[in-house]
C-alpha atoms as a PDB file:
ATOM      1  CA  UNK A   1      32.632 -84.257 -79.329  1.00  0.00           C
ATOM      2  CA  UNK A   2      34.310 -80.841 -79.269  1.00  0.00           C
ATOM      3  CA  UNK A   3      36.802 -82.108 -76.704  1.00  0.00           C
ATOM      4  CA  UNK A   4      37.614 -85.044 -78.965  1.00  0.00           C
ATOM      5  CA  UNK A   5      38.117 -82.736 -81.946  1.00  0.00           C
ATOM      6  CA  UNK A   6      40.346 -80.534 -79.814  1.00  0.00           C
ATOM      7  CA  UNK A   7      42.333 -83.623 -78.822  1.00  0.00           C
ATOM      8  CA  UNK A   8      42.726 -84.696 -82.475  1.00  0.00           C
ATOM      9  CA  UNK A   9      43.956 -81.178 -83.326  1.00  0.00           C
ATOM     10  CA  UNK A  10      46.441 -81.406 -80.461  1.00  0.00           C
ATOM     11  CA  UNK A  11      47.685 -84.736 -81.789  1.00  0.00           C
ATOM     12  CA  UNK A  12      48.164 -83.136 -85.233  1.00  0.00           C
ATOM     13  CA  UNK A  13      50.230 -80.319 -83.781  1.00  0.00           C
ATOM     14  CA  UNK A  14      52.264 -82.770 -81.698  1.00  0.00           C
ATOM     15  CA  UNK A  15      52.905 -84.913 -84.791  1.00  0.00           C
ATOM     16  CA  UNK A  16      54.161 -81.866 -86.690  1.00  0.00           C
ATOM     17  CA  UNK A  17      56.406 -80.941 -83.777  1.00  0.00           C
ATOM     18  CA  UNK A  18      57.838 -84.456 -83.485  1.00  0.00           C
ATOM     19  CA  UNK A  19      58.434 -84.620 -87.241  1.00  0.00           C
ATOM     20  CA  UNK A  20      60.456 -81.422 -87.089  1.00  0.00           C
ATOM     21  CA  UNK A  21      62.403 -82.649 -84.035  1.00  0.00           C
ATOM     22  CA  UNK A  22      63.214 -86.003 -85.648  1.00  0.00           C
ATOM     23  CA  UNK A  23      64.608 -84.408 -88.801  1.00  0.00           C
ATOM     24  CA  UNK A  24      66.179 -81.294 -87.259  1.00  0.00           C
ATOM     25  CA  UNK A  25      69.628 -82.800 -86.667  1.00  0.00           C
ATOM     26  CA  UNK A  26      69.901 -84.309 -90.144  1.00  0.00           C
ATOM     27  CA  UNK A  27      68.662 -81.087 -91.718  1.00  0.00           C
ATOM     28  CA  UNK A  28      71.261 -78.998 -89.864  1.00  0.00           C
ATOM     29  CA  UNK A  29      74.013 -81.473 -90.774  1.00  0.00           C
ATOM     30  CA  UNK A  30      73.012 -81.249 -94.418  1.00  0.00           C
ATOM     31  CA  UNK A  31      73.127 -77.436 -94.339  1.00  0.00           C
ATOM     32  CA  UNK A  32      76.578 -77.575 -92.727  1.00  0.00           C
ATOM     33  CA  UNK A  33      77.872 -80.016 -95.347  1.00  0.00           C
ATOM     34  CA  UNK A  34      76.557 -77.827 -98.161  1.00  0.00           C
ATOM     35  CA  UNK A  35      78.112 -74.724 -96.559  1.00  0.00           C
ATOM     36  CA  UNK A  36      81.482 -76.457 -96.275  1.00  0.00           C
ATOM     37  CA  UNK A  37      81.238 -77.707 -99.850  1.00  0.00           C
ATOM     38  CA  UNK A  38      80.506 -74.222-101.191  1.00  0.00           C
ATOM     39  CA  UNK A  39      83.159 -72.511 -99.078  1.00  0.00           C
ATOM     40  CA  UNK A  40      85.859 -74.943-100.240  1.00  0.00           C
ATOM     41  CA  UNK A  41      84.679 -75.163-103.844  1.00  0.00           C
ATOM     42  CA  UNK A  42      87.302 -75.328-106.557  1.00  0.00           C
ATOM     43  CA  UNK A  43      87.253 -76.694-110.071  1.00  0.00           C
ATOM     44  CA  UNK A  44      89.030 -79.820-108.874  1.00  0.00           C
ATOM     45  CA  UNK A  45      86.497 -80.730-106.189  1.00  0.00           C
ATOM     46  CA  UNK A  46      83.294 -80.219-108.146  1.00  0.00           C
ATOM     47  CA  UNK A  47      82.572 -83.925-107.677  1.00  0.00           C
ATOM     48  CA  UNK A  48      82.625 -83.460-103.897  1.00  0.00           C
ATOM     49  CA  UNK A  49      79.996 -80.734-104.146  1.00  0.00           C
ATOM     50  CA  UNK A  50      77.825 -82.869-106.424  1.00  0.00           C
ATOM     51  CA  UNK A  51      78.058 -85.828-104.034  1.00  0.00           C
ATOM     52  CA  UNK A  52      77.198 -83.636-101.047  1.00  0.00           C
ATOM     53  CA  UNK A  53      74.101 -82.256-102.736  1.00  0.00           C
ATOM     54  CA  UNK A  54      73.098 -85.690-104.041  1.00  0.00           C
ATOM     55  CA  UNK A  55      73.338 -87.198-100.567  1.00  0.00           C
ATOM     56  CA  UNK A  56      70.518 -85.013 -99.252  1.00  0.00           C
ATOM     57  CA  UNK A  57      68.187 -87.152 -97.234  1.00  0.00           C
ATOM     58  CA  UNK A  58      65.178 -87.717 -99.479  1.00  0.00           C
ATOM     59  CA  UNK A  59      63.035 -88.282 -96.413  1.00  0.00           C
ATOM     60  CA  UNK A  60      63.726 -84.703 -95.338  1.00  0.00           C
ATOM     61  CA  UNK A  61      62.518 -83.454 -98.698  1.00  0.00           C
ATOM     62  CA  UNK A  62      59.390 -85.618 -98.518  1.00  0.00           C
ATOM     63  CA  UNK A  63      58.554 -84.451 -94.997  1.00  0.00           C
ATOM     64  CA  UNK A  64      58.870 -80.760 -95.788  1.00  0.00           C
ATOM     65  CA  UNK A  65      56.832 -81.193 -98.979  1.00  0.00           C
ATOM     66  CA  UNK A  66      54.068 -83.039 -97.126  1.00  0.00           C
ATOM     67  CA  UNK A  67      53.859 -80.417 -94.378  1.00  0.00           C
ATOM     68  CA  UNK A  68      54.112 -77.544 -96.840  1.00  0.00           C
ATOM     69  CA  UNK A  69      51.480 -78.933 -99.198  1.00  0.00           C
ATOM     70  CA  UNK A  70      49.097 -79.672 -96.344  1.00  0.00           C
ATOM     71  CA  UNK A  71      49.358 -76.081 -95.131  1.00  0.00           C
ATOM     72  CA  UNK A  72      48.896 -74.661 -98.630  1.00  0.00           C
ATOM     73  CA  UNK A  73      45.836 -76.775 -99.421  1.00  0.00           C
ATOM     74  CA  UNK A  74      44.257 -76.115 -96.015  1.00  0.00           C
ATOM     75  CA  UNK A  75      44.602 -72.375 -96.522  1.00  0.00           C
ATOM     76  CA  UNK A  76      43.374 -72.528-100.119  1.00  0.00           C
ATOM     77  CA  UNK A  77      40.374 -74.595 -99.024  1.00  0.00           C
ATOM     78  CA  UNK A  78      39.506 -72.142 -96.254  1.00  0.00           C
ATOM     79  CA  UNK A  79      39.643 -69.229 -98.698  1.00  0.00           C
ATOM     80  CA  UNK A  80      37.633 -71.054-101.387  1.00  0.00           C
ATOM     81  CA  UNK A  81      34.867 -72.066 -98.970  1.00  0.00           C
ATOM     82  CA  UNK A  82      34.420 -68.451 -97.845  1.00  0.00           C
ATOM     83  CA  UNK A  83      35.135 -66.592-101.083  1.00  0.00           C
ATOM     84  CA  UNK A  84      31.957 -64.495-100.705  1.00  0.00           C
ATOM     85  CA  UNK A  85      32.611 -63.744 -97.044  1.00  0.00           C
ATOM     86  CA  UNK A  86      36.302 -62.892 -96.490  1.00  0.00           C
ATOM     87  CA  UNK A  87      35.684 -62.117 -92.806  1.00  0.00           C
ATOM     88  CA  UNK A  88      34.389 -65.643 -92.325  1.00  0.00           C
ATOM     89  CA  UNK A  89      37.659 -67.249 -93.349  1.00  0.00           C
ATOM     90  CA  UNK A  90      39.075 -69.344 -90.545  1.00  0.00           C
ATOM     91  CA  UNK A  91      42.447 -70.803 -91.318  1.00  0.00           C
ATOM     92  CA  UNK A  92      42.121 -74.391 -90.121  1.00  0.00           C
ATOM     93  CA  UNK A  93      44.460 -76.229 -87.810  1.00  0.00           C
ATOM     94  CA  UNK A  94      42.786 -79.433 -88.868  1.00  0.00           C
ATOM     95  CA  UNK A  95      43.027 -80.459 -92.483  1.00  0.00           C
ATOM     96  CA  UNK A  96      40.068 -80.502 -94.861  1.00  0.00           C
ATOM     97  CA  UNK A  97      38.155 -83.784 -94.898  1.00  0.00           C
ATOM     98  CA  UNK A  98      36.368 -84.955 -98.065  1.00  0.00           C
ATOM     99  CA  UNK A  99      32.554 -85.127 -97.728  1.00  0.00           C
ATOM    100  CA  UNK A 100      32.646 -88.898 -98.232  1.00  0.00           C
ATOM    101  CA  UNK A 101      34.571 -89.345 -94.954  1.00  0.00           C
ATOM    102  CA  UNK A 102      32.583 -86.832 -92.896  1.00  0.00           C
ATOM    103  CA  UNK A 103      29.787 -89.294 -92.125  1.00  0.00           C
ATOM    104  CA  UNK A 104      32.162 -91.294 -89.927  1.00  0.00           C
ATOM    105  CA  UNK A 105      34.081 -89.461 -87.221  1.00  0.00           C
ATOM    106  CA  UNK A 106      36.593 -92.310 -87.011  1.00  0.00           C
ATOM    107  CA  UNK A 107      37.232 -92.333 -90.780  1.00  0.00           C
ATOM    108  CA  UNK A 108      37.570 -88.542 -90.861  1.00  0.00           C
ATOM    109  CA  UNK A 109      39.944 -88.542 -87.904  1.00  0.00           C
ATOM    110  CA  UNK A 110      42.111 -91.299 -89.387  1.00  0.00           C
ATOM    111  CA  UNK A 111      42.241 -89.401 -92.685  1.00  0.00           C
ATOM    112  CA  UNK A 112      43.536 -86.325 -90.869  1.00  0.00           C
ATOM    113  CA  UNK A 113      46.021 -88.219 -88.713  1.00  0.00           C
ATOM    114  CA  UNK A 114      47.539 -90.137 -91.632  1.00  0.00           C
ATOM    115  CA  UNK A 115      48.483 -86.885 -93.378  1.00  0.00           C
ATOM    116  CA  UNK A 116      50.496 -85.694 -90.397  1.00  0.00           C
ATOM    117  CA  UNK A 117      51.950 -89.018 -89.300  1.00  0.00           C
ATOM    118  CA  UNK A 118      52.904 -90.224 -92.793  1.00  0.00           C
ATOM    119  CA  UNK A 119      56.259 -88.368 -92.718  1.00  0.00           C
ATOM    120  CA  UNK A 120      57.169 -90.218 -89.516  1.00  0.00           C
ATOM    121  CA  UNK A 121      56.073 -93.503 -91.089  1.00  0.00           C
ATOM    122  CA  UNK A 122      58.206 -92.782 -94.167  1.00  0.00           C
ATOM    123  CA  UNK A 123      61.151 -91.942 -91.942  1.00  0.00           C
END
């Protein structure tokens, strides 16, 4: 069972890595376009800057929000569960699973995997 949990954690980390790799090129291109727009900004080309910023890939925003929120809530949950014992806080690699899903290992695992793979599905 521990080996299976370790495997699921490995899959989570791999999913995060692949998400970052998939979006890395688009993210860097967006930064370059914004840099060019700001460096060449004049009153006359304000529309160009607005279009560049508006063309940001919404999937990139969604992915970074999903990953960021997951990390924040995992950390907050770890701190809340061990508020009386700060030394017992273990910052989880796996995400928190609601008690309702803990009775089934498959349901709990799917719940965790969906959170990390959903950005790739959206993409």
